[in-house]
Amino acid sequence: MAEAERRAEIARLNDVVRFSGKGGRLFMTSGFDALSAIEKLLILTEVRCFDAFTPDNDPHGEHDCAALTFGEHRIIWKIDYLPANGFEEADPADPETVLRVLTVMLAEEY
């Protein structure tokens, strides 16, 4: 697979987990979890719908991290790759070898 195709596939898989949760897990930091239920719901909706990727905030074109502002809160979300199903290495372009973990946090927790 060519590098551009590989990155496009990684971005597609990251978008799927971010939008639907399919193929991954959601992790919320304690600071984020301390927000009200409605704030968390609205922020998670913003994370799901985020599409303002640019070369500045997504230099590799993989849709794996971004920041946004919600009210008075600066939010960072990122996707990490963990080995899945006993594989020694996680290949972000191969959903059979990777578990995506979407972490949502307050910027001051980073």
N, C-alpha and C. Protein backbone atom coordinates (compact mmCIF):
# COMPACT_ATOMS: atom_id res chain seq x y z
N MET A 1 0.85 -1.18 0.00
CA MET A 1 0.00 0.00 0.00
C MET A 1 0.90 1.24 0.00
N ALA A 2 0.63 2.16 -0.89
CA ALA A 2 1.40 3.41 -0.97
C ALA A 2 1.18 4.22 0.30
N GLU A 3 2.14 5.06 0.63
CA GLU A 3 2.07 5.84 1.88
C GLU A 3 0.82 6.72 1.93
N ALA A 4 0.46 7.37 0.85
CA ALA A 4 -0.74 8.22 0.84
C ALA A 4 -1.99 7.39 1.07
N GLU A 5 -2.07 6.22 0.47
CA GLU A 5 -3.22 5.33 0.69
C GLU A 5 -3.25 4.84 2.12
N ARG A 6 -2.09 4.51 2.66
CA ARG A 6 -1.98 4.04 4.04
C ARG A 6 -2.50 5.11 5.01
N ARG A 7 -2.06 6.34 4.83
CA ARG A 7 -2.50 7.43 5.72
C ARG A 7 -3.99 7.69 5.56
N ALA A 8 -4.50 7.60 4.35
CA ALA A 8 -5.94 7.78 4.13
C ALA A 8 -6.73 6.69 4.83
N GLU A 9 -6.23 5.46 4.82
CA GLU A 9 -6.90 4.36 5.50
C GLU A 9 -6.86 4.54 7.02
N ILE A 10 -5.73 4.98 7.55
CA ILE A 10 -5.62 5.27 8.98
C ILE A 10 -6.60 6.35 9.37
N ALA A 11 -6.68 7.42 8.57
CA ALA A 11 -7.63 8.51 8.85
C ALA A 11 -9.06 7.99 8.83
N ARG A 12 -9.38 7.15 7.86
CA ARG A 12 -10.73 6.60 7.77
C ARG A 12 -11.06 5.75 9.00
N LEU A 13 -10.14 4.89 9.41
CA LEU A 13 -10.37 4.05 10.59
C LEU A 13 -10.47 4.90 11.87
N ASN A 14 -9.64 5.94 11.96
CA ASN A 14 -9.72 6.84 13.12
C ASN A 14 -11.05 7.57 13.14
N ASP A 15 -11.52 8.00 11.98
CA ASP A 15 -12.82 8.68 11.92
C ASP A 15 -13.95 7.73 12.34
N VAL A 16 -13.86 6.48 11.95
CA VAL A 16 -14.89 5.50 12.33
C VAL A 16 -14.94 5.35 13.84
N VAL A 17 -13.79 5.16 14.48
CA VAL A 17 -13.82 4.98 15.93
C VAL A 17 -14.27 6.26 16.63
N ARG A 18 -13.85 7.39 16.11
CA ARG A 18 -14.24 8.66 16.74
C ARG A 18 -15.73 8.91 16.59
N PHE A 19 -16.28 8.57 15.44
CA PHE A 19 -17.69 8.83 15.19
C PHE A 19 -18.60 7.78 15.80
N SER A 20 -18.24 6.51 15.68
CA SER A 20 -19.16 5.44 16.10
C SER A 20 -18.68 4.63 17.29
N GLY A 21 -17.39 4.72 17.61
CA GLY A 21 -16.84 3.88 18.67
C GLY A 21 -16.43 2.51 18.17
N LYS A 22 -16.77 2.17 16.95
CA LYS A 22 -16.45 0.86 16.38
C LYS A 22 -14.94 0.71 16.22
N GLY A 23 -14.41 -0.39 16.75
CA GLY A 23 -12.99 -0.67 16.61
C GLY A 23 -12.13 -0.01 17.66
N GLY A 24 -12.73 0.50 18.72
CA GLY A 24 -11.93 1.17 19.72
C GLY A 24 -12.63 1.31 21.06
N ARG A 25 -11.98 2.03 21.92
CA ARG A 25 -12.49 2.31 23.26
C ARG A 25 -12.38 3.80 23.52
N LEU A 26 -13.23 4.28 24.40
CA LEU A 26 -13.21 5.68 24.81
C LEU A 26 -12.64 5.77 26.22
N PHE A 27 -11.69 6.66 26.40
CA PHE A 27 -11.11 6.92 27.72
C PHE A 27 -11.30 8.39 28.01
N MET A 28 -11.86 8.69 29.18
CA MET A 28 -12.04 10.08 29.62
C MET A 28 -11.16 10.30 30.85
N THR A 29 -10.41 11.38 30.86
CA THR A 29 -9.59 11.69 32.02
C THR A 29 -10.48 12.12 33.17
N SER A 30 -9.93 12.15 34.36
CA SER A 30 -10.72 12.51 35.55
C SER A 30 -11.25 13.93 35.46
N GLY A 31 -10.46 14.86 34.92
CA GLY A 31 -10.92 16.24 34.79
C GLY A 31 -12.09 16.35 33.83
N PHE A 32 -11.99 15.66 32.71
CA PHE A 32 -13.10 15.66 31.76
C PHE A 32 -14.32 14.99 32.37
N ASP A 33 -14.13 13.88 33.05
CA ASP A 33 -15.24 13.15 33.64
C ASP A 33 -15.93 13.96 34.75
N ALA A 34 -15.23 14.92 35.34
CA ALA A 34 -15.82 15.74 36.39
C ALA A 34 -16.78 16.80 35.85
N LEU A 35 -16.78 17.03 34.53
CA LEU A 35 -17.73 17.97 33.94
C LEU A 35 -19.15 17.43 34.08
N SER A 36 -20.11 18.29 33.90
CA SER A 36 -21.50 17.85 33.99
C SER A 36 -21.82 16.88 32.85
N ALA A 37 -22.84 16.09 33.04
CA ALA A 37 -23.24 15.11 32.02
C ALA A 37 -23.57 15.79 30.69
N ILE A 38 -24.24 16.91 30.74
CA ILE A 38 -24.61 17.60 29.50
C ILE A 38 -23.37 18.16 28.81
N GLU A 39 -22.41 18.70 29.60
CA GLU A 39 -21.17 19.20 28.99
C GLU A 39 -20.42 18.06 28.31
N LYS A 40 -20.31 16.93 28.99
CA LYS A 40 -19.61 15.78 28.39
C LYS A 40 -20.31 15.33 27.11
N LEU A 41 -21.61 15.25 27.14
CA LEU A 41 -22.36 14.83 25.95
C LEU A 41 -22.12 15.79 24.79
N LEU A 42 -22.20 17.08 25.05
CA LEU A 42 -22.02 18.07 23.99
C LEU A 42 -20.59 18.08 23.46
N ILE A 43 -19.61 17.93 24.35
CA ILE A 43 -18.21 17.90 23.93
C ILE A 43 -17.93 16.64 23.11
N LEU A 44 -18.44 15.51 23.56
CA LEU A 44 -18.24 14.28 22.79
C LEU A 44 -18.88 14.37 21.41
N THR A 45 -19.99 15.08 21.32
CA THR A 45 -20.62 15.32 20.01
C THR A 45 -19.70 16.17 19.14
N GLU A 46 -19.07 17.18 19.75
CA GLU A 46 -18.11 18.01 19.00
C GLU A 46 -16.91 17.18 18.52
N VAL A 47 -16.42 16.29 19.38
CA VAL A 47 -15.31 15.41 18.99
C VAL A 47 -15.74 14.52 17.84
N ARG A 48 -16.93 13.93 17.94
CA ARG A 48 -17.44 13.05 16.87
C ARG A 48 -17.52 13.78 15.54
N CYS A 49 -17.97 15.02 15.57
CA CYS A 49 -18.24 15.76 14.34
C CYS A 49 -17.05 16.60 13.86
N PHE A 50 -15.95 16.58 14.59
CA PHE A 50 -14.81 17.42 14.24
C PHE A 50 -14.33 17.10 12.83
N ASP A 51 -14.19 18.12 12.01
CA ASP A 51 -13.68 17.92 10.65
C ASP A 51 -12.78 19.07 10.19
N ALA A 52 -12.31 19.87 11.13
CA ALA A 52 -11.48 21.03 10.79
C ALA A 52 -10.00 20.64 10.74
N PHE A 53 -9.69 19.54 10.09
CA PHE A 53 -8.31 19.11 9.97
C PHE A 53 -7.58 19.96 8.95
N THR A 54 -6.38 20.37 9.31
CA THR A 54 -5.53 21.18 8.44
C THR A 54 -4.11 20.62 8.52
N PRO A 55 -3.23 21.03 7.62
CA PRO A 55 -1.83 20.60 7.73
C PRO A 55 -1.19 21.03 9.05
N ASP A 56 -1.69 22.10 9.67
CA ASP A 56 -1.13 22.54 10.95
C ASP A 56 -1.53 21.62 12.10
N ASN A 57 -2.78 21.20 12.15
CA ASN A 57 -3.22 20.36 13.27
C ASN A 57 -3.24 18.87 12.95
N ASP A 58 -2.99 18.52 11.69
CA ASP A 58 -2.99 17.11 11.27
C ASP A 58 -1.91 16.91 10.20
N PRO A 59 -0.64 17.11 10.57
CA PRO A 59 0.43 17.12 9.57
C PRO A 59 0.61 15.81 8.81
N HIS A 60 0.19 14.68 9.39
CA HIS A 60 0.35 13.39 8.72
C HIS A 60 -0.93 12.93 8.04
N GLY A 61 -2.02 13.71 8.21
CA GLY A 61 -3.28 13.38 7.56
C GLY A 61 -3.96 12.15 8.10
N GLU A 62 -3.73 11.83 9.39
CA GLU A 62 -4.27 10.61 9.98
C GLU A 62 -5.47 10.83 10.91
N HIS A 63 -5.87 12.08 11.13
CA HIS A 63 -7.03 12.39 11.97
C HIS A 63 -6.91 11.74 13.35
N ASP A 64 -5.73 11.84 13.96
CA ASP A 64 -5.49 11.14 15.22
C ASP A 64 -5.42 12.05 16.45
N CYS A 65 -5.55 13.35 16.26
CA CYS A 65 -5.46 14.26 17.40
C CYS A 65 -5.97 15.64 16.98
N ALA A 66 -6.59 16.33 17.92
CA ALA A 66 -7.01 17.71 17.66
C ALA A 66 -7.39 18.37 18.98
N ALA A 67 -7.57 19.66 18.92
CA ALA A 67 -8.01 20.44 20.07
C ALA A 67 -9.20 21.28 19.64
N LEU A 68 -10.08 21.53 20.59
CA LEU A 68 -11.23 22.38 20.32
C LEU A 68 -11.60 23.13 21.59
N THR A 69 -12.35 24.17 21.44
CA THR A 69 -12.81 24.95 22.58
C THR A 69 -14.31 24.77 22.71
N PHE A 70 -14.72 24.49 23.94
CA PHE A 70 -16.14 24.36 24.25
C PHE A 70 -16.40 25.23 25.47
N GLY A 71 -17.11 26.35 25.25
CA GLY A 71 -17.34 27.28 26.35
C GLY A 71 -16.01 27.75 26.90
N GLU A 72 -15.80 27.55 28.20
CA GLU A 72 -14.55 27.96 28.84
C GLU A 72 -13.50 26.85 28.84
N HIS A 73 -13.83 25.73 28.27
CA HIS A 73 -12.94 24.57 28.32
C HIS A 73 -12.18 24.38 27.01
N ARG A 74 -10.88 24.19 27.13
CA ARG A 74 -10.06 23.77 25.99
C ARG A 74 -9.95 22.26 26.10
N ILE A 75 -10.32 21.57 25.04
CA ILE A 75 -10.40 20.12 25.02
C ILE A 75 -9.37 19.57 24.02
N ILE A 76 -8.69 18.52 24.41
CA ILE A 76 -7.80 17.80 23.50
C ILE A 76 -8.33 16.37 23.39
N TRP A 77 -8.35 15.87 22.17
CA TRP A 77 -8.64 14.45 22.00
C TRP A 77 -7.54 13.85 21.14
N LYS A 78 -7.24 12.59 21.41
CA LYS A 78 -6.19 11.91 20.65
C LYS A 78 -6.52 10.43 20.57
N ILE A 79 -5.98 9.79 19.55
CA ILE A 79 -6.17 8.36 19.37
C ILE A 79 -4.80 7.69 19.45
N ASP A 80 -4.72 6.70 20.35
CA ASP A 80 -3.52 5.88 20.48
C ASP A 80 -3.82 4.49 19.95
N TYR A 81 -2.76 3.78 19.58
CA TYR A 81 -2.90 2.45 19.00
C TYR A 81 -2.26 1.42 19.93
N LEU A 82 -3.02 0.42 20.31
CA LEU A 82 -2.52 -0.66 21.15
C LEU A 82 -2.61 -1.97 20.39
N PRO A 83 -1.66 -2.89 20.64
CA PRO A 83 -1.74 -4.20 19.99
C PRO A 83 -3.02 -4.92 20.43
N ALA A 84 -3.64 -5.59 19.47
CA ALA A 84 -4.88 -6.32 19.76
C ALA A 84 -4.71 -7.78 19.36
N ASN A 85 -5.51 -8.63 19.93
CA ASN A 85 -5.57 -10.04 19.54
C ASN A 85 -4.23 -10.75 19.59
N GLY A 86 -3.38 -10.37 20.54
CA GLY A 86 -2.11 -11.06 20.71
C GLY A 86 -1.01 -10.66 19.75
N PHE A 87 -1.24 -9.68 18.89
CA PHE A 87 -0.21 -9.24 17.97
C PHE A 87 0.84 -8.45 18.74
N GLU A 88 2.10 -8.60 18.34
CA GLU A 88 3.16 -7.88 19.03
C GLU A 88 3.20 -6.41 18.67
N GLU A 89 2.85 -6.10 17.44
CA GLU A 89 2.87 -4.71 17.01
C GLU A 89 1.52 -4.33 16.44
N ALA A 90 1.12 -3.12 16.72
CA ALA A 90 -0.14 -2.60 16.20
C ALA A 90 0.15 -1.80 14.93
N ASP A 91 -0.50 -2.19 13.86
CA ASP A 91 -0.39 -1.45 12.60
C ASP A 91 -1.67 -0.64 12.44
N PRO A 92 -1.59 0.67 12.59
CA PRO A 92 -2.80 1.49 12.54
C PRO A 92 -3.60 1.38 11.25
N ALA A 93 -2.99 0.87 10.18
CA ALA A 93 -3.71 0.70 8.92
C ALA A 93 -4.39 -0.66 8.83
N ASP A 94 -4.15 -1.53 9.82
CA ASP A 94 -4.72 -2.88 9.82
C ASP A 94 -5.59 -3.07 11.05
N PRO A 95 -6.91 -2.97 10.90
CA PRO A 95 -7.80 -3.05 12.06
C PRO A 95 -7.73 -4.39 12.79
N GLU A 96 -7.17 -5.42 12.18
CA GLU A 96 -7.04 -6.72 12.84
C GLU A 96 -5.94 -6.72 13.89
N THR A 97 -4.99 -5.78 13.80
CA THR A 97 -3.84 -5.79 14.71
C THR A 97 -3.88 -4.68 15.75
N VAL A 98 -4.89 -3.84 15.71
CA VAL A 98 -4.86 -2.64 16.56
C VAL A 98 -6.18 -2.42 17.28
N LEU A 99 -6.06 -1.94 18.50
CA LEU A 99 -7.19 -1.42 19.24
C LEU A 99 -6.96 0.08 19.38
N ARG A 100 -7.88 0.86 18.88
CA ARG A 100 -7.76 2.31 18.98
C ARG A 100 -8.35 2.76 20.31
N VAL A 101 -7.63 3.66 21.00
CA VAL A 101 -8.10 4.23 22.25
C VAL A 101 -8.23 5.73 22.05
N LEU A 102 -9.47 6.20 22.08
CA LEU A 102 -9.76 7.63 21.95
C LEU A 102 -9.78 8.23 23.34
N THR A 103 -8.85 9.12 23.61
CA THR A 103 -8.77 9.79 24.91
C THR A 103 -9.27 11.21 24.75
N VAL A 104 -10.19 11.62 25.63
CA VAL A 104 -10.71 12.98 25.64
C VAL A 104 -10.34 13.58 26.99
N MET A 105 -9.73 14.78 26.95
CA MET A 105 -9.21 15.38 28.19
C MET A 105 -9.32 16.90 28.15
N LEU A 106 -9.23 17.50 29.31
CA LEU A 106 -9.08 18.94 29.40
C LEU A 106 -7.62 19.25 29.04
N ALA A 107 -7.40 20.35 28.35
CA ALA A 107 -6.05 20.69 27.90
C ALA A 107 -5.06 20.75 29.06
N GLU A 108 -5.51 21.22 30.21
CA GLU A 108 -4.58 21.33 31.34
C GLU A 108 -4.15 19.97 31.91
N GLU A 109 -4.82 18.91 31.47
CA GLU A 109 -4.43 17.58 31.92
C GLU A 109 -3.37 16.94 31.03
N TYR A 110 -3.08 17.58 29.91
CA TYR A 110 -2.12 16.99 28.96
C TYR A 110 -0.72 17.11 29.48
